[in-house]
PDB file of all heavy atoms in Angstrom:
ATOM      1  N   ASN A   1      99.873 -84.725 166.567  1.00  0.00           N
ATOM      2  CA  ASN A   1     101.235 -85.126 166.226  1.00  0.00           C
ATOM      3  C   ASN A   1     101.332 -86.650 166.332  1.00  0.00           C
ATOM      4  O   ASN A   1     101.332 -87.192 167.437  1.00  0.00           O
ATOM      5  CB  ASN A   1     102.229 -84.460 167.180  1.00  0.00           C
ATOM      6  CG  ASN A   1     103.669 -84.732 166.822  1.00  0.00           C
ATOM      7  OD1 ASN A   1     104.043 -85.862 166.520  1.00  0.00           O
ATOM      8  ND2 ASN A   1     104.497 -83.700 166.860  1.00  0.00           N
ATOM      9  N   PRO A   2     101.392 -87.360 165.205  1.00  0.00           N
ATOM     10  CA  PRO A   2     101.383 -88.835 165.235  1.00  0.00           C
ATOM     11  C   PRO A   2     102.461 -89.441 166.131  1.00  0.00           C
ATOM     12  O   PRO A   2     102.207 -90.419 166.839  1.00  0.00           O
ATOM     13  CB  PRO A   2     101.607 -89.219 163.765  1.00  0.00           C
ATOM     14  CG  PRO A   2     101.092 -88.045 162.998  1.00  0.00           C
ATOM     15  CD  PRO A   2     101.437 -86.845 163.833  1.00  0.00           C
ATOM     16  N   LEU A   3     103.664 -88.866 166.117  1.00  0.00           N
ATOM     17  CA  LEU A   3     104.755 -89.408 166.918  1.00  0.00           C
ATOM     18  C   LEU A   3     104.461 -89.246 168.414  1.00  0.00           C
ATOM     19  O   LEU A   3     104.619 -90.201 169.196  1.00  0.00           O
ATOM     20  CB  LEU A   3     106.065 -88.708 166.571  1.00  0.00           C
ATOM     21  CG  LEU A   3     107.307 -89.173 167.351  1.00  0.00           C
ATOM     22  CD1 LEU A   3     107.543 -90.656 167.117  1.00  0.00           C
ATOM     23  CD2 LEU A   3     108.535 -88.359 166.955  1.00  0.00           C
ATOM     24  N   LEU A   4     104.018 -88.051 168.809  1.00  0.00           N
ATOM     25  CA  LEU A   4     103.706 -87.820 170.215  1.00  0.00           C
ATOM     26  C   LEU A   4     102.471 -88.600 170.653  1.00  0.00           C
ATOM     27  O   LEU A   4     102.395 -89.069 171.793  1.00  0.00           O
ATOM     28  CB  LEU A   4     103.505 -86.323 170.465  1.00  0.00           C
ATOM     29  CG  LEU A   4     104.739 -85.441 170.283  1.00  0.00           C
ATOM     30  CD1 LEU A   4     104.397 -83.979 170.539  1.00  0.00           C
ATOM     31  CD2 LEU A   4     105.857 -85.883 171.222  1.00  0.00           C
ATOM     32  N   ALA A   5     101.507 -88.743 169.754  1.00  0.00           N
ATOM     33  CA  ALA A   5     100.310 -89.521 170.066  1.00  0.00           C
ATOM     34  C   ALA A   5     100.672 -90.985 170.328  1.00  0.00           C
ATOM     35  O   ALA A   5     100.130 -91.625 171.238  1.00  0.00           O
ATOM     36  CB  ALA A   5      99.307 -89.416 168.924  1.00  0.00           C
ATOM     37  N   LYS A   6     101.599 -91.515 169.530  1.00  0.00           N
ATOM     38  CA  LYS A   6     102.048 -92.898 169.727  1.00  0.00           C
ATOM     39  C   LYS A   6     102.760 -93.038 171.070  1.00  0.00           C
ATOM     40  O   LYS A   6     102.537 -94.015 171.805  1.00  0.00           O
ATOM     41  CB  LYS A   6     102.988 -93.310 168.596  1.00  0.00           C
ATOM     42  CG  LYS A   6     103.491 -94.736 168.720  1.00  0.00           C
ATOM     43  CD  LYS A   6     104.433 -95.115 167.571  1.00  0.00           C
ATOM     44  CE  LYS A   6     104.956 -96.524 167.743  1.00  0.00           C
ATOM     45  NZ  LYS A   6     105.881 -96.908 166.646  1.00  0.00           N
ATOM     46  N   LYS A   7     103.609 -92.061 171.413  1.00  0.00           N
ATOM     47  CA  LYS A   7     104.307 -92.099 172.700  1.00  0.00           C
ATOM     48  C   LYS A   7     103.315 -92.041 173.855  1.00  0.00           C
ATOM     49  O   LYS A   7     103.463 -92.737 174.865  1.00  0.00           O
ATOM     50  CB  LYS A   7     105.294 -90.928 172.796  1.00  0.00           C
ATOM     51  CG  LYS A   7     106.502 -91.059 171.880  1.00  0.00           C
ATOM     52  CD  LYS A   7     107.435 -89.866 172.000  1.00  0.00           C
ATOM     53  CE  LYS A   7     108.078 -89.792 173.367  1.00  0.00           C
ATOM     54  NZ  LYS A   7     109.058 -88.686 173.450  1.00  0.00           N
ATOM     55  N   SER A   8     102.289 -91.215 173.701  1.00  0.00           N
ATOM     56  CA  SER A   8     101.260 -91.114 174.728  1.00  0.00           C
ATOM     57  C   SER A   8     100.525 -92.435 174.900  1.00  0.00           C
ATOM     58  O   SER A   8     100.309 -92.911 176.027  1.00  0.00           O
ATOM     59  CB  SER A   8     100.269 -90.005 174.343  1.00  0.00           C
ATOM     60  OG  SER A   8      99.163 -90.009 175.204  1.00  0.00           O
ATOM     61  N   PHE A   9     100.155 -93.045 173.770  1.00  0.00           N
ATOM     62  CA  PHE A   9      99.455 -94.328 173.799  1.00  0.00           C
ATOM     63  C   PHE A   9     100.303 -95.399 174.480  1.00  0.00           C
ATOM     64  O   PHE A   9      99.824 -96.128 175.362  1.00  0.00           O
ATOM     65  CB  PHE A   9      99.099 -94.751 172.369  1.00  0.00           C
ATOM     66  CG  PHE A   9      98.481 -96.109 172.280  1.00  0.00           C
ATOM     67  CD1 PHE A   9      97.150 -96.299 172.587  1.00  0.00           C
ATOM     68  CD2 PHE A   9      99.246 -97.214 171.894  1.00  0.00           C
ATOM     69  CE1 PHE A   9      96.575 -97.563 172.509  1.00  0.00           C
ATOM     70  CE2 PHE A   9      98.681 -98.470 171.818  1.00  0.00           C
ATOM     71  CZ  PHE A   9      97.342 -98.643 172.121  1.00  0.00           C
ATOM     72  N   MET A  10     101.569 -95.505 174.102  1.00  0.00           N
ATOM     73  CA  MET A  10     102.445 -96.512 174.681  1.00  0.00           C
ATOM     74  C   MET A  10     102.666 -96.277 176.171  1.00  0.00           C
ATOM     75  O   MET A  10     102.767 -97.226 176.952  1.00  0.00           O
ATOM     76  CB  MET A  10     103.787 -96.525 173.940  1.00  0.00           C
ATOM     77  CG  MET A  10     103.696 -96.973 172.488  1.00  0.00           C
ATOM     78  SD  MET A  10     102.906 -98.604 172.313  1.00  0.00           S
ATOM     79  CE  MET A  10     104.032 -99.630 173.274  1.00  0.00           C
ATOM     80  N   HIS A  11     102.739 -95.001 176.542  1.00  0.00           N
ATOM     81  CA  HIS A  11     102.918 -94.685 177.959  1.00  0.00           C
ATOM     82  C   HIS A  11     101.731 -95.190 178.778  1.00  0.00           C
ATOM     83  O   HIS A  11     101.903 -95.766 179.857  1.00  0.00           O
ATOM     84  CB  HIS A  11     103.063 -93.176 178.126  1.00  0.00           C
ATOM     85  CG  HIS A  11     103.267 -92.733 179.549  1.00  0.00           C
ATOM     86  ND1 HIS A  11     104.491 -92.799 180.184  1.00  0.00           N
ATOM     87  CD2 HIS A  11     102.404 -92.240 180.476  1.00  0.00           C
ATOM     88  CE1 HIS A  11     104.379 -92.359 181.423  1.00  0.00           C
ATOM     89  NE2 HIS A  11     103.117 -92.021 181.623  1.00  0.00           N
ATOM     90  N   LEU A  12     100.533 -95.014 178.249  1.00  0.00           N
ATOM     91  CA  LEU A  12      99.330 -95.418 178.972  1.00  0.00           C
ATOM     92  C   LEU A  12      99.201 -96.937 179.047  1.00  0.00           C
ATOM     93  O   LEU A  12      98.901 -97.487 180.117  1.00  0.00           O
ATOM     94  CB  LEU A  12      98.089 -94.821 178.312  1.00  0.00           C
ATOM     95  CG  LEU A  12      97.893 -93.312 178.475  1.00  0.00           C
ATOM     96  CD1 LEU A  12      96.717 -92.834 177.625  1.00  0.00           C
ATOM     97  CD2 LEU A  12      97.666 -92.941 179.927  1.00  0.00           C
ATOM     98  N   VAL A  13      99.431 -97.614 177.940  1.00  0.00           N
ATOM     99  CA  VAL A  13      99.198 -99.067 177.924  1.00  0.00           C
ATOM    100  C   VAL A  13     100.291 -99.851 178.638  1.00  0.00           C
ATOM    101  O   VAL A  13     100.108-101.034 178.943  1.00  0.00           O
ATOM    102  CB  VAL A  13      99.027 -99.598 176.483  1.00  0.00           C
ATOM    103  CG1 VAL A  13      97.813 -98.972 175.822  1.00  0.00           C
ATOM    104  CG2 VAL A  13     100.284 -99.374 175.663  1.00  0.00           C
ATOM    105  N   THR A  14     101.414 -99.215 178.913  1.00  0.00           N
ATOM    106  CA  THR A  14     102.491 -99.901 179.636  1.00  0.00           C
ATOM    107  C   THR A  14     102.579 -99.478 181.106  1.00  0.00           C
ATOM    108  O   THR A  14     103.355-100.054 181.867  1.00  0.00           O
ATOM    109  CB  THR A  14     103.858 -99.640 178.969  1.00  0.00           C
ATOM    110  OG1 THR A  14     104.111 -98.226 178.939  1.00  0.00           O
ATOM    111  CG2 THR A  14     103.883-100.206 177.566  1.00  0.00           C
ATOM    112  N   SER A  15     101.780 -98.497 181.489  1.00  0.00           N
ATOM    113  CA  SER A  15     101.839 -97.989 182.861  1.00  0.00           C
ATOM    114  C   SER A  15     101.148 -98.924 183.844  1.00  0.00           C
ATOM    115  O   SER A  15     100.068 -99.466 183.565  1.00  0.00           O
ATOM    116  CB  SER A  15     101.181 -96.608 182.932  1.00  0.00           C
ATOM    117  OG  SER A  15     101.084 -96.186 184.282  1.00  0.00           O
ATOM    118  N   GLN A  16     101.748 -99.103 184.987  1.00  0.00           N
ATOM    119  CA  GLN A  16     101.144 -99.919 186.041  1.00  0.00           C
ATOM    120  C   GLN A  16      99.984 -99.187 186.710  1.00  0.00           C
ATOM    121  O   GLN A  16      99.201 -99.804 187.444  1.00  0.00           O
ATOM    122  CB  GLN A  16     102.200-100.272 187.091  1.00  0.00           C
ATOM    123  CG  GLN A  16     103.305-101.190 186.575  1.00  0.00           C
ATOM    124  CD  GLN A  16     104.303-101.557 187.657  1.00  0.00           C
ATOM    125  OE1 GLN A  16     104.333-100.965 188.731  1.00  0.00           O
ATOM    126  NE2 GLN A  16     105.134-102.537 187.365  1.00  0.00           N
ATOM    127  N   ASN A  17      99.871 -97.880 186.482  1.00  0.00           N
ATOM    128  CA  ASN A  17      98.823 -97.092 187.123  1.00  0.00           C
ATOM    129  C   ASN A  17      97.537 -97.014 186.309  1.00  0.00           C
ATOM    130  O   ASN A  17      96.599 -96.312 186.696  1.00  0.00           O
ATOM    131  CB  ASN A  17      99.320 -95.661 187.377  1.00  0.00           C
ATOM    132  CG  ASN A  17     100.435 -95.613 188.396  1.00  0.00           C
ATOM    133  OD1 ASN A  17     100.475 -96.422 189.315  1.00  0.00           O
ATOM    134  ND2 ASN A  17     101.356 -94.680 188.224  1.00  0.00           N
ATOM    135  N   VAL A  18      97.490 -97.718 185.178  1.00  0.00           N
ATOM    136  CA  VAL A  18      96.305 -97.685 184.326  1.00  0.00           C
ATOM    137  C   VAL A  18      95.541 -98.989 184.463  1.00  0.00           C
ATOM    138  O   VAL A  18      96.115-100.081 184.347  1.00  0.00           O
ATOM    139  CB  VAL A  18      96.686 -97.429 182.853  1.00  0.00           C
ATOM    140  CG1 VAL A  18      95.450 -97.502 181.958  1.00  0.00           C
ATOM    141  CG2 VAL A  18      97.362 -96.072 182.711  1.00  0.00           C
ATOM    142  N   ASN A  19      94.247 -98.873 184.688  1.00  0.00           N
ATOM    143  CA  ASN A  19      93.363-100.024 184.831  1.00  0.00           C
ATOM    144  C   ASN A  19      93.439-100.926 183.593  1.00  0.00           C
ATOM    145  O   ASN A  19      93.412-100.433 182.467  1.00  0.00           O
ATOM    146  CB  ASN A  19      91.922 -99.499 185.021  1.00  0.00           C
ATOM    147  CG  ASN A  19      90.932-100.603 185.307  1.00  0.00           C
ATOM    148  OD1 ASN A  19      90.715-101.465 184.474  1.00  0.00           O
ATOM    149  ND2 ASN A  19      90.323-100.551 186.482  1.00  0.00           N
ATOM    150  N   PRO A  20      93.539-102.253 183.768  1.00  0.00           N
ATOM    151  CA  PRO A  20      93.619-103.178 182.621  1.00  0.00           C
ATOM    152  C   PRO A  20      92.445-103.036 181.655  1.00  0.00           C
ATOM    153  O   PRO A  20      92.621-103.189 180.433  1.00  0.00           O
ATOM    154  CB  PRO A  20      93.629-104.560 183.287  1.00  0.00           C
ATOM    155  CG  PRO A  20      94.202-104.319 184.640  1.00  0.00           C
ATOM    156  CD  PRO A  20      93.707-102.971 185.046  1.00  0.00           C
ATOM    157  N   PHE A  21      91.253-102.771 182.168  1.00  0.00           N
ATOM    158  CA  PHE A  21      90.092-102.582 181.294  1.00  0.00           C
ATOM    159  C   PHE A  21      90.283-101.361 180.399  1.00  0.00           C
ATOM    160  O   PHE A  21      89.916-101.362 179.227  1.00  0.00           O
ATOM    161  CB  PHE A  21      88.823-102.422 182.135  1.00  0.00           C
ATOM    162  CG  PHE A  21      88.443-103.658 182.891  1.00  0.00           C
ATOM    163  CD1 PHE A  21      88.658-103.753 184.249  1.00  0.00           C
ATOM    164  CD2 PHE A  21      87.872-104.750 182.232  1.00  0.00           C
ATOM    165  CE1 PHE A  21      88.311-104.900 184.958  1.00  0.00           C
ATOM    166  CE2 PHE A  21      87.514-105.896 182.917  1.00  0.00           C
ATOM    167  CZ  PHE A  21      87.743-105.976 184.279  1.00  0.00           C
ATOM    168  N   LEU A  22      90.871-100.309 180.978  1.00  0.00           N
ATOM    169  CA  LEU A  22      91.115 -99.095 180.209  1.00  0.00           C
ATOM    170  C   LEU A  22      92.150 -99.355 179.120  1.00  0.00           C
ATOM    171  O   LEU A  22      92.008 -98.882 177.987  1.00  0.00           O
ATOM    172  CB  LEU A  22      91.590 -97.972 181.140  1.00  0.00           C
ATOM    173  CG  LEU A  22      91.871 -96.611 180.492  1.00  0.00           C
ATOM    174  CD1 LEU A  22      90.657 -96.103 179.731  1.00  0.00           C
ATOM    175  CD2 LEU A  22      92.276 -95.604 181.569  1.00  0.00           C
ATOM    176  N   LYS A  23      93.184-100.112 179.443  1.00  0.00           N
ATOM    177  CA  LYS A  23      94.203-100.451 178.444  1.00  0.00           C
ATOM    178  C   LYS A  23      93.578-101.209 177.270  1.00  0.00           C
ATOM    179  O   LYS A  23      93.967-101.025 176.122  1.00  0.00           O
ATOM    180  CB  LYS A  23      95.296-101.306 179.083  1.00  0.00           C
ATOM    181  CG  LYS A  23      96.177-100.575 180.077  1.00  0.00           C
ATOM    182  CD  LYS A  23      97.252-101.503 180.617  1.00  0.00           C
ATOM    183  CE  LYS A  23      98.134-100.797 181.634  1.00  0.00           C
ATOM    184  NZ  LYS A  23      99.200-101.688 182.159  1.00  0.00           N
ATOM    185  N   PHE A  24      92.605-102.044 177.566  1.00  0.00           N
ATOM    186  CA  PHE A  24      91.935-102.833 176.533  1.00  0.00           C
ATOM    187  C   PHE A  24      91.113-101.939 175.595  1.00  0.00           C
ATOM    188  O   PHE A  24      91.031-102.191 174.385  1.00  0.00           O
ATOM    189  CB  PHE A  24      91.034-103.878 177.199  1.00  0.00           C
ATOM    190  CG  PHE A  24      90.298-104.761 176.235  1.00  0.00           C
ATOM    191  CD1 PHE A  24      90.943-105.803 175.579  1.00  0.00           C
ATOM    192  CD2 PHE A  24      88.957-104.534 175.972  1.00  0.00           C
ATOM    193  CE1 PHE A  24      90.265-106.613 174.681  1.00  0.00           C
ATOM    194  CE2 PHE A  24      88.271-105.349 175.081  1.00  0.00           C
ATOM    195  CZ  PHE A  24      88.924-106.381 174.430  1.00  0.00           C
ATOM    196  N   ILE A  25      90.542-100.883 176.149  1.00  0.00           N
ATOM    197  CA  ILE A  25      89.664 -99.999 175.379  1.00  0.00           C
ATOM    198  C   ILE A  25      90.441 -98.969 174.571  1.00  0.00           C
ATOM    199  O   ILE A  25      90.001 -98.538 173.507  1.00  0.00           O
ATOM    200  CB  ILE A  25      88.674 -99.293 176.332  1.00  0.00           C
ATOM    201  CG1 ILE A  25      87.701-100.315 176.921  1.00  0.00           C
ATOM    202  CG2 ILE A  25      87.901 -98.184 175.627  1.00  0.00           C
ATOM    203  CD1 ILE A  25      86.810 -99.756 178.004  1.00  0.00           C
ATOM    204  N   LEU A  26      91.613 -98.573 175.035  1.00  0.00           N
ATOM    205  CA  LEU A  26      92.361 -97.482 174.421  1.00  0.00           C
ATOM    206  C   LEU A  26      92.633 -97.653 172.914  1.00  0.00           C
ATOM    207  O   LEU A  26      92.558 -96.670 172.169  1.00  0.00           O
ATOM    208  CB  LEU A  26      93.679 -97.256 175.170  1.00  0.00           C
ATOM    209  CG  LEU A  26      93.565 -96.510 176.499  1.00  0.00           C
ATOM    210  CD1 LEU A  26      94.915 -96.490 177.209  1.00  0.00           C
ATOM    211  CD2 LEU A  26      93.047 -95.092 176.294  1.00  0.00           C
ATOM    212  N   PRO A  27      92.946 -98.843 172.424  1.00  0.00           N
ATOM    213  CA  PRO A  27      93.195 -98.972 170.985  1.00  0.00           C
ATOM    214  C   PRO A  27      92.003 -98.572 170.118  1.00  0.00           C
ATOM    215  O   PRO A  27      92.170 -98.153 168.969  1.00  0.00           O
ATOM    216  CB  PRO A  27      93.520-100.461 170.805  1.00  0.00           C
ATOM    217  CG  PRO A  27      94.068-100.879 172.127  1.00  0.00           C
ATOM    218  CD  PRO A  27      93.273-100.106 173.138  1.00  0.00           C
ATOM    219  N   VAL A  28      90.800 -98.670 170.665  1.00  0.00           N
ATOM    220  CA  VAL A  28      89.598 -98.241 169.952  1.00  0.00           C
ATOM    221  C   VAL A  28      89.290 -96.785 170.242  1.00  0.00           C
ATOM    222  O   VAL A  28      88.851 -96.032 169.367  1.00  0.00           O
ATOM    223  CB  VAL A  28      88.388 -99.126 170.342  1.00  0.00           C
ATOM    224  CG1 VAL A  28      87.115 -98.625 169.666  1.00  0.00           C
ATOM    225  CG2 VAL A  28      88.655-100.573 169.990  1.00  0.00           C
ATOM    226  N   PHE A  29      89.551 -96.387 171.465  1.00  0.00           N
ATOM    227  CA  PHE A  29      89.189 -95.039 171.910  1.00  0.00           C
ATOM    228  C   PHE A  29      90.052 -93.966 171.249  1.00  0.00           C
ATOM    229  O   PHE A  29      89.556 -92.874 170.939  1.00  0.00           O
ATOM    230  CB  PHE A  29      89.319 -94.960 173.439  1.00  0.00           C
ATOM    231  CG  PHE A  29      88.543 -93.832 174.061  1.00  0.00           C
ATOM    232  CD1 PHE A  29      87.172 -93.737 173.882  1.00  0.00           C
ATOM    233  CD2 PHE A  29      89.172 -92.869 174.828  1.00  0.00           C
ATOM    234  CE1 PHE A  29      86.447 -92.716 174.464  1.00  0.00           C
ATOM    235  CE2 PHE A  29      88.470 -91.830 175.406  1.00  0.00           C
ATOM    236  CZ  PHE A  29      87.092 -91.755 175.221  1.00  0.00           C
ATOM    237  N   TYR A  30      91.308 -94.247 171.035  1.00  0.00           N
ATOM    238  CA  TYR A  30      92.213 -93.277 170.409  1.00  0.00           C
ATOM    239  C   TYR A  30      91.705 -92.834 169.026  1.00  0.00           C
ATOM    240  O   TYR A  30      91.561 -91.636 168.765  1.00  0.00           O
ATOM    241  CB  TYR A  30      93.621 -93.856 170.302  1.00  0.00           C
ATOM    242  CG  TYR A  30      94.624 -93.272 171.270  1.00  0.00           C
ATOM    243  CD1 TYR A  30      94.550 -93.558 172.620  1.00  0.00           C
ATOM    244  CD2 TYR A  30      95.631 -92.427 170.836  1.00  0.00           C
ATOM    245  CE1 TYR A  30      95.468 -93.033 173.513  1.00  0.00           C
ATOM    246  CE2 TYR A  30      96.559 -91.896 171.713  1.00  0.00           C
ATOM    247  CZ  TYR A  30      96.477 -92.202 173.053  1.00  0.00           C
ATOM    248  OH  TYR A  30      97.385 -91.672 173.938  1.00  0.00           O
ATOM    249  N   PRO A  31      91.444 -93.772 168.108  1.00  0.00           N
ATOM    250  CA  PRO A  31      90.929 -93.356 166.786  1.00  0.00           C
ATOM    251  C   PRO A  31      89.599 -92.607 166.892  1.00  0.00           C
ATOM    252  O   PRO A  31      89.347 -91.668 166.128  1.00  0.00           O
ATOM    253  CB  PRO A  31      90.754 -94.687 166.042  1.00  0.00           C
ATOM    254  CG  PRO A  31      91.689 -95.624 166.721  1.00  0.00           C
ATOM    255  CD  PRO A  31      91.686 -95.222 168.159  1.00  0.00           C
ATOM    256  N   TYR A  32      88.752 -93.023 167.826  1.00  0.00           N
ATOM    257  CA  TYR A  32      87.468 -92.345 168.020  1.00  0.00           C
ATOM    258  C   TYR A  32      87.687 -90.886 168.410  1.00  0.00           C
ATOM    259  O   TYR A  32      87.049 -89.972 167.866  1.00  0.00           O
ATOM    260  CB  TYR A  32      86.665 -93.065 169.094  1.00  0.00           C
ATOM    261  CG  TYR A  32      85.469 -92.273 169.584  1.00  0.00           C
ATOM    262  CD1 TYR A  32      84.297 -92.211 168.835  1.00  0.00           C
ATOM    263  CD2 TYR A  32      85.536 -91.585 170.798  1.00  0.00           C
ATOM    264  CE1 TYR A  32      83.207 -91.475 169.289  1.00  0.00           C
ATOM    265  CE2 TYR A  32      84.453 -90.853 171.250  1.00  0.00           C
ATOM    266  CZ  TYR A  32      83.293 -90.803 170.493  1.00  0.00           C
ATOM    267  OH  TYR A  32      82.222 -90.067 170.939  1.00  0.00           O
ATOM    268  N   LEU A  33      88.599 -90.646 169.335  1.00  0.00           N
ATOM    269  CA  LEU A  33      88.887 -89.280 169.767  1.00  0.00           C
ATOM    270  C   LEU A  33      89.449 -88.442 168.635  1.00  0.00           C
ATOM    271  O   LEU A  33      89.104 -87.269 168.477  1.00  0.00           O
ATOM    272  CB  LEU A  33      89.875 -89.294 170.939  1.00  0.00           C
ATOM    273  CG  LEU A  33      89.343 -89.724 172.296  1.00  0.00           C
ATOM    274  CD1 LEU A  33      90.482 -89.802 173.302  1.00  0.00           C
ATOM    275  CD2 LEU A  33      88.286 -88.754 172.795  1.00  0.00           C
TER     276      LEU A  33
END
């Protein structure tokens, strides 16, 4: 679901509980998955 996937992505990259290195990788990792 593109809308829910976007919400999930934004939740992760804006969360204080996510490692900065992981936030950097997520934009590439999402399309790969």
